[in-house]
Protein backbone atom coordinates (compact mmCIF):
# COMPACT_ATOMS: atom_id res chain seq x y z
CA MET A 1 1.60 16.95 -15.83
CA ARG A 2 0.26 14.63 -13.14
CA ARG A 3 2.53 11.75 -12.13
CA LEU A 4 0.99 8.31 -12.44
CA ILE A 5 3.62 6.50 -10.36
CA HIS A 6 2.24 5.56 -6.95
CA GLU A 7 3.96 7.31 -4.05
CA SER A 8 4.69 3.94 -2.41
CA LEU A 9 7.28 3.40 -5.16
CA SER A 10 9.24 6.53 -4.17
CA ARG A 11 12.40 6.17 -2.12
CA SER A 12 13.90 8.92 0.06
CA PHE A 13 17.40 8.87 1.50
CA GLU A 14 20.47 10.99 2.22
CA LEU A 15 23.69 10.99 0.23
CA PRO A 16 26.83 10.08 2.16
CA CYS A 17 28.74 13.23 1.09
CA GLY A 18 26.26 15.62 -0.48
CA LEU A 19 26.46 17.70 -3.61
CA VAL A 20 27.60 21.31 -3.25
CA VAL A 21 25.89 23.75 -5.63
CA ASP A 22 26.37 27.50 -5.19
CA GLY A 23 27.74 26.96 -1.68
CA GLU A 24 24.74 24.92 -0.52
CA VAL A 25 25.09 21.21 0.35
CA HIS A 26 22.30 19.02 -1.01
CA VAL A 27 21.95 15.61 0.63
CA ASP A 28 18.23 14.69 0.61
CA VAL A 29 17.21 12.64 -2.43
CA VAL A 30 13.91 11.29 -3.72
CA ILE A 31 13.89 8.77 -6.57
CA GLU A 32 11.03 7.08 -8.43
CA PRO A 33 10.72 4.57 -11.26
CA LEU A 34 10.44 6.05 -14.73
CA THR A 35 7.23 6.46 -16.66
CA MET A 36 7.37 5.32 -20.29
CA ARG A 37 7.62 8.97 -21.41
CA GLU A 38 10.55 9.55 -19.05
CA SER A 39 12.21 6.35 -20.23
CA MET A 40 12.03 7.50 -23.84
CA ALA A 41 13.48 10.91 -22.93
CA TYR A 42 16.25 9.23 -20.93
CA GLU A 43 17.13 7.01 -23.91
CA ALA A 44 17.42 10.09 -26.15
CA LEU A 45 19.61 11.90 -23.60
CA ALA A 46 21.81 8.82 -23.14
CA ARG A 47 22.62 8.78 -26.88
CA GLU A 48 24.16 12.28 -26.65
CA VAL A 49 27.47 11.21 -25.08
CA PRO A 50 29.90 14.12 -24.57
CA ASP A 51 33.35 13.69 -26.07
CA GLY A 52 35.79 11.82 -23.87
CA LEU A 53 33.17 10.08 -21.70
CA ASP A 54 32.41 6.38 -21.56
CA PRO A 55 28.99 5.73 -23.17
CA GLU A 56 27.92 3.20 -20.50
CA GLU A 57 28.90 5.48 -17.62
CA TRP A 58 27.08 8.40 -19.30
CA ARG A 59 24.01 6.17 -19.76
CA ALA A 60 24.10 5.30 -16.03
CA LEU A 61 24.26 9.00 -15.09
CA CYS A 62 21.33 9.75 -17.40
CA ARG A 63 19.25 7.01 -15.78
CA ILE A 64 20.04 8.28 -12.27
CA VAL A 65 19.09 11.83 -13.27
CA SER A 66 15.86 10.64 -14.89
CA MET A 67 14.82 8.77 -11.74
CA THR A 68 15.70 11.67 -9.40
CA ARG A 69 12.66 13.70 -8.36
CA ARG A 70 14.46 15.85 -5.81
CA LEU A 71 18.04 16.48 -4.77
CA GLY A 72 18.09 18.81 -1.78
CA SER A 73 16.40 22.05 -2.75
CA LEU A 74 17.34 21.71 -6.43
CA PRO A 75 14.42 21.39 -8.83
CA SER A 76 14.58 18.14 -10.80
CA ASP A 77 15.30 20.02 -14.05
CA GLN A 78 18.55 21.31 -12.51
CA VAL A 79 19.73 17.78 -11.71
CA THR A 80 21.65 16.90 -14.87
CA PRO A 81 24.23 14.30 -15.85
CA GLU A 82 26.76 17.13 -16.07
CA LEU A 83 25.98 18.11 -12.47
CA LEU A 84 26.60 14.54 -11.31
CA LEU A 85 29.99 14.54 -13.05
CA ASP A 86 31.07 16.97 -10.32
CA ALA A 87 29.55 14.94 -7.46
CA ALA A 88 31.59 12.74 -5.14
CA GLU A 89 32.06 9.29 -6.67
CA LEU A 90 30.72 7.77 -3.44
CA ASP A 91 27.45 9.70 -3.88
CA VAL A 92 27.07 8.65 -7.52
CA VAL A 93 27.71 4.99 -6.64
CA PHE A 94 25.19 5.30 -3.79
CA LEU A 95 22.60 6.82 -6.17
CA SER A 96 23.25 4.12 -8.75
CA LYS A 97 22.77 1.34 -6.20
CA ALA A 98 19.57 2.95 -4.90
CA CYS A 99 18.16 3.23 -8.44
CA ASN A 100 19.10 -0.39 -9.20
CA GLN A 101 17.50 -1.58 -5.98
CA LEU A 102 14.29 0.35 -6.69
CA MET A 103 14.08 -1.10 -10.19
CA ALA A 104 14.62 -4.61 -8.79
CA GLU A 105 11.86 -4.03 -6.23
CA CYS A 106 9.50 -2.80 -8.95
CA SER A 107 10.19 -5.76 -11.23
CA SER A 108 9.53 -8.24 -8.42
CA PHE A 109 6.53 -6.35 -7.01
CA ARG A 110 3.82 -8.20 -8.90
CA GLY A 111 2.44 -10.48 -6.24
CA GLY A 112 5.89 -11.79 -5.34
CA ARG A 113 6.18 -13.60 -8.68
CA GLY A 114 8.47 -11.16 -10.45
CA GLY A 115 8.32 -10.32 -14.10
CA ARG A 116 10.49 -11.71 -16.84
CA ALA A 117 13.31 -9.46 -17.94
CA GLY A 118 12.70 -7.96 -21.35
CA GLY A 119 9.18 -9.30 -21.69
CA SER A 120 5.76 -9.47 -20.20
CA ASP A 121 4.05 -12.14 -18.19
CA ALA A 122 1.08 -12.15 -20.55
CA GLY A 123 1.62 -15.79 -21.50
CA SER A 124 1.75 -17.05 -17.94
CA GLN A 125 -1.26 -14.93 -17.01
CA ARG A 126 -3.19 -16.35 -19.97
CA ASP A 127 -2.35 -19.91 -18.95
CA GLY A 128 -4.05 -19.34 -15.61
CA LEU A 129 -7.15 -17.88 -17.26
CA ASP A 130 -7.81 -20.61 -19.81
CA GLY A 131 -7.71 -23.41 -17.26
CA GLU A 132 -4.23 -24.60 -18.15
CA GLY A 133 -1.97 -23.82 -15.27
CA ALA A 134 1.69 -24.68 -14.86
CA ALA A 135 0.74 -28.22 -13.73
CA ALA A 136 -0.89 -28.93 -17.08
CA HIS A 137 2.37 -28.12 -18.87
CA ALA A 138 4.60 -30.17 -16.54
């Protein structure tokens, strides 16, 4: 399936420690924002919390995994929440911060105005189109 996320929204970086899988250290990471389809799949995965794990921490791992396009030479389907459970905590915190930063950048991307959390800007866009700007409501 063709990705519809623009490449300018991808972020590449190196993990501080690296994840060792089958004797190979993986440090190069590429993350991207989620498509709606990926977001829905992530939500489903996040509901399947393994016994003994904190649901919010599991949810955070699922989001990181869903946003990860590449981790070293591992294909994205091999980057799982279970795999990250065995990663250095420093790397997971680093990944989490990178994902949060990317999401913040994406939400504030729209012409420097920023979107409203949990909603659209349709109302404010409409105000500008029907001749009633913010000044008319002040």
